[in-house]
Amino acid sequence: VQLQASGGGMVQAGGSLRLTCTASGSIFGINDMGWYRQAPGKQREMVALISFAGIQQYADSVKDRFLISRDNAKIMVTLQMNRLKPEDTAVYFCIAQHLGDDLWGRGTQVTVSS
């Protein structure tokens, strides 16, 4: 299974960005999908996850600003990020849980300027 992420970039505080991640390959058995992020000098942290059934989890820091959704037919997960803050600046990583293993996509940079 490969995860291909797109989106990200640079935006001013208060703006919006959308991240998309699509899985390909042997996709049978993918359960949760979502996003983690890692800021410079900090540990990687969960941002948002969504189960196959659509149950969502969010970090407290992004609740009410970010929205995660998925398209099971396309094996795609999307993270809509609104009202972005400078502290959202990080490398964002797509994750998919596949047959008990965590699979990671390449990171995509999100930079929010003040």
C-alpha atoms as a PDB file:
ATOM      1  CA  VAL A   1       0.000   0.000   0.000  1.00  0.00           C
ATOM      2  CA  GLN A   2       1.247   3.456  -0.890  1.00  0.00           C
ATOM      3  CA  LEU A   3      -0.098   6.734   0.421  1.00  0.00           C
ATOM      4  CA  GLN A   4       0.077   9.767  -1.815  1.00  0.00           C
ATOM      5  CA  ALA A   5      -0.564  13.107  -0.152  1.00  0.00           C
ATOM      6  CA  SER A   6      -1.251  16.413  -1.830  1.00  0.00           C
ATOM      7  CA  GLY A   7      -2.116  19.901  -0.739  1.00  0.00           C
ATOM      8  CA  GLY A   8      -0.367  21.968   1.856  1.00  0.00           C
ATOM      9  CA  GLY A   9       1.598  25.108   1.184  1.00  0.00           C
ATOM     10  CA  MET A  10       1.801  28.534   2.710  1.00  0.00           C
ATOM     11  CA  VAL A  11      -1.077  30.658   3.916  1.00  0.00           C
ATOM     12  CA  GLN A  12      -1.656  33.637   6.187  1.00  0.00           C
ATOM     13  CA  ALA A  13      -3.203  33.209   9.595  1.00  0.00           C
ATOM     14  CA  GLY A  14      -6.953  32.834   9.331  1.00  0.00           C
ATOM     15  CA  GLY A  15      -6.743  31.212   5.939  1.00  0.00           C
ATOM     16  CA  SER A  16      -7.607  27.710   4.806  1.00  0.00           C
ATOM     17  CA  LEU A  17      -5.843  24.771   3.203  1.00  0.00           C
ATOM     18  CA  ARG A  18      -6.897  21.274   2.191  1.00  0.00           C
ATOM     19  CA  LEU A  19      -4.833  18.125   2.400  1.00  0.00           C
ATOM     20  CA  THR A  20      -5.726  14.985   0.474  1.00  0.00           C
ATOM     21  CA  CYS A  21      -4.276  11.518   0.798  1.00  0.00           C
ATOM     22  CA  THR A  22      -5.039   8.587  -1.488  1.00  0.00           C
ATOM     23  CA  ALA A  23      -4.082   4.966  -0.921  1.00  0.00           C
ATOM     24  CA  SER A  24      -3.127   2.654  -3.737  1.00  0.00           C
ATOM     25  CA  GLY A  25      -1.863  -0.878  -4.074  1.00  0.00           C
ATOM     26  CA  SER A  26      -3.146  -3.728  -1.916  1.00  0.00           C
ATOM     27  CA  ILE A  27      -5.824  -1.636  -0.239  1.00  0.00           C
ATOM     28  CA  PHE A  28      -7.893  -4.438   1.281  1.00  0.00           C
ATOM     29  CA  GLY A  29      -7.956  -4.135   5.061  1.00  0.00           C
ATOM     30  CA  ILE A  30      -7.457  -0.396   5.467  1.00  0.00           C
ATOM     31  CA  ASN A  31      -9.258   0.806   8.549  1.00  0.00           C
ATOM     32  CA  ASP A  32      -8.501   4.152  10.181  1.00  0.00           C
ATOM     33  CA  MET A  33      -6.990   6.909   8.064  1.00  0.00           C
ATOM     34  CA  GLY A  34      -5.922  10.366   9.049  1.00  0.00           C
ATOM     35  CA  TRP A  35      -3.230  12.883   9.671  1.00  0.00           C
ATOM     36  CA  TYR A  36      -0.408  13.505  12.078  1.00  0.00           C
ATOM     37  CA  ARG A  37       1.914  16.501  12.142  1.00  0.00           C
ATOM     38  CA  GLN A  38       5.371  17.319  13.362  1.00  0.00           C
ATOM     39  CA  ALA A  39       6.601  20.825  14.054  1.00  0.00           C
ATOM     40  CA  PRO A  40      10.327  21.616  14.301  1.00  0.00           C
ATOM     41  CA  GLY A  41      11.733  20.409  17.595  1.00  0.00           C
ATOM     42  CA  LYS A  42       8.492  18.704  18.599  1.00  0.00           C
ATOM     43  CA  GLN A  43       7.171  15.175  18.604  1.00  0.00           C
ATOM     44  CA  ARG A  44       4.781  13.947  15.978  1.00  0.00           C
ATOM     45  CA  GLU A  45       1.191  14.379  17.140  1.00  0.00           C
ATOM     46  CA  MET A  46      -2.195  13.185  16.011  1.00  0.00           C
ATOM     47  CA  VAL A  47      -4.271  15.807  14.238  1.00  0.00           C
ATOM     48  CA  ALA A  48      -7.345  13.923  13.069  1.00  0.00           C
ATOM     49  CA  LEU A  49      -8.375  10.342  12.384  1.00  0.00           C
ATOM     50  CA  ILE A  50     -11.431   8.826  10.763  1.00  0.00           C
ATOM     51  CA  SER A  51     -12.530   5.217  10.876  1.00  0.00           C
ATOM     52  CA  PHE A  52     -13.902   3.208   7.959  1.00  0.00           C
ATOM     53  CA  ALA A  53     -17.359   3.857   9.404  1.00  0.00           C
ATOM     54  CA  GLY A  54     -16.738   7.599   9.529  1.00  0.00           C
ATOM     55  CA  ILE A  55     -16.101   8.063  13.247  1.00  0.00           C
ATOM     56  CA  GLN A  56     -13.858  11.094  13.674  1.00  0.00           C
ATOM     57  CA  GLN A  57     -11.233  12.003  16.269  1.00  0.00           C
ATOM     58  CA  TYR A  58      -9.535  15.379  16.585  1.00  0.00           C
ATOM     59  CA  ALA A  59      -6.748  16.875  18.616  1.00  0.00           C
ATOM     60  CA  ASP A  60      -8.133  19.487  20.987  1.00  0.00           C
ATOM     61  CA  SER A  61      -6.009  22.133  19.294  1.00  0.00           C
ATOM     62  CA  VAL A  62      -7.811  21.712  15.954  1.00  0.00           C
ATOM     63  CA  LYS A  63     -11.372  20.940  17.019  1.00  0.00           C
ATOM     64  CA  ASP A  64     -13.923  23.265  15.433  1.00  0.00           C
ATOM     65  CA  ARG A  65     -11.342  24.405  12.875  1.00  0.00           C
ATOM     66  CA  PHE A  66     -10.396  21.239  10.975  1.00  0.00           C
ATOM     67  CA  LEU A  67     -12.703  18.731   9.320  1.00  0.00           C
ATOM     68  CA  ILE A  68     -11.673  15.240   8.265  1.00  0.00           C
ATOM     69  CA  SER A  69     -13.622  13.201   5.743  1.00  0.00           C
ATOM     70  CA  ARG A  70     -13.033  10.123   3.639  1.00  0.00           C
ATOM     71  CA  ASP A  71     -14.226   8.486   0.463  1.00  0.00           C
ATOM     72  CA  ASN A  72     -14.052   4.730   0.922  1.00  0.00           C
ATOM     73  CA  ALA A  73     -14.644   4.039  -2.765  1.00  0.00           C
ATOM     74  CA  LYS A  74     -11.561   6.090  -3.645  1.00  0.00           C
ATOM     75  CA  ILE A  75      -9.638   5.138  -0.492  1.00  0.00           C
ATOM     76  CA  MET A  76      -9.079   8.822   0.060  1.00  0.00           C
ATOM     77  CA  VAL A  77      -8.997  10.987   3.155  1.00  0.00           C
ATOM     78  CA  THR A  78      -9.262  14.767   3.161  1.00  0.00           C
ATOM     79  CA  LEU A  79      -8.393  17.275   5.862  1.00  0.00           C
ATOM     80  CA  GLN A  80      -9.999  20.679   5.480  1.00  0.00           C
ATOM     81  CA  MET A  81      -8.092  23.132   7.635  1.00  0.00           C
ATOM     82  CA  ASN A  82      -9.818  26.427   8.417  1.00  0.00           C
ATOM     83  CA  ARG A  83      -8.889  29.427  10.539  1.00  0.00           C
ATOM     84  CA  LEU A  84      -5.285  28.353  10.434  1.00  0.00           C
ATOM     85  CA  LYS A  85      -2.894  29.629  13.081  1.00  0.00           C
ATOM     86  CA  PRO A  86       0.898  30.013  13.042  1.00  0.00           C
ATOM     87  CA  GLU A  87       1.104  27.154  15.540  1.00  0.00           C
ATOM     88  CA  ASP A  88      -0.403  24.859  12.897  1.00  0.00           C
ATOM     89  CA  THR A  89       2.847  25.165  10.983  1.00  0.00           C
ATOM     90  CA  ALA A  90       4.296  21.683  10.630  1.00  0.00           C
ATOM     91  CA  VAL A  91       4.958  18.809   8.292  1.00  0.00           C
ATOM     92  CA  TYR A  92       1.735  16.872   7.951  1.00  0.00           C
ATOM     93  CA  PHE A  93       1.799  13.099   7.447  1.00  0.00           C
ATOM     94  CA  CYS A  94      -0.972  10.905   6.165  1.00  0.00           C
ATOM     95  CA  ILE A  95      -1.478   7.620   8.036  1.00  0.00           C
ATOM     96  CA  ALA A  96      -3.480   4.513   7.247  1.00  0.00           C
ATOM     97  CA  GLN A  97      -3.959   1.503   9.473  1.00  0.00           C
ATOM     98  CA  HIS A  98      -3.643  -1.556   7.278  1.00  0.00           C
ATOM     99  CA  LEU A  99      -4.066  -5.057   8.697  1.00  0.00           C
ATOM    100  CA  GLY A 100      -2.745  -3.919  12.048  1.00  0.00           C
ATOM    101  CA  ASP A 101       0.200  -1.925  10.725  1.00  0.00           C
ATOM    102  CA  ASP A 102       0.558   1.860  10.568  1.00  0.00           C
ATOM    103  CA  LEU A 103       1.487   3.047   7.106  1.00  0.00           C
ATOM    104  CA  TRP A 104       2.828   6.544   6.554  1.00  0.00           C
ATOM    105  CA  GLY A 105       2.849   8.782   3.556  1.00  0.00           C
ATOM    106  CA  ARG A 106       5.485  11.363   2.781  1.00  0.00           C
ATOM    107  CA  GLY A 107       5.027  14.560   4.700  1.00  0.00           C
ATOM    108  CA  THR A 108       3.680  17.727   3.211  1.00  0.00           C
ATOM    109  CA  GLN A 109       4.637  21.122   4.573  1.00  0.00           C
ATOM    110  CA  VAL A 110       2.031  23.520   5.937  1.00  0.00           C
ATOM    111  CA  THR A 111       3.262  26.985   6.824  1.00  0.00           C
ATOM    112  CA  VAL A 112       1.031  29.608   8.411  1.00  0.00           C
ATOM    113  CA  SER A 113       2.403  33.112   8.601  1.00  0.00           C
ATOM    114  CA  SER A 114       1.222  35.650  11.157  1.00  0.00           C
END
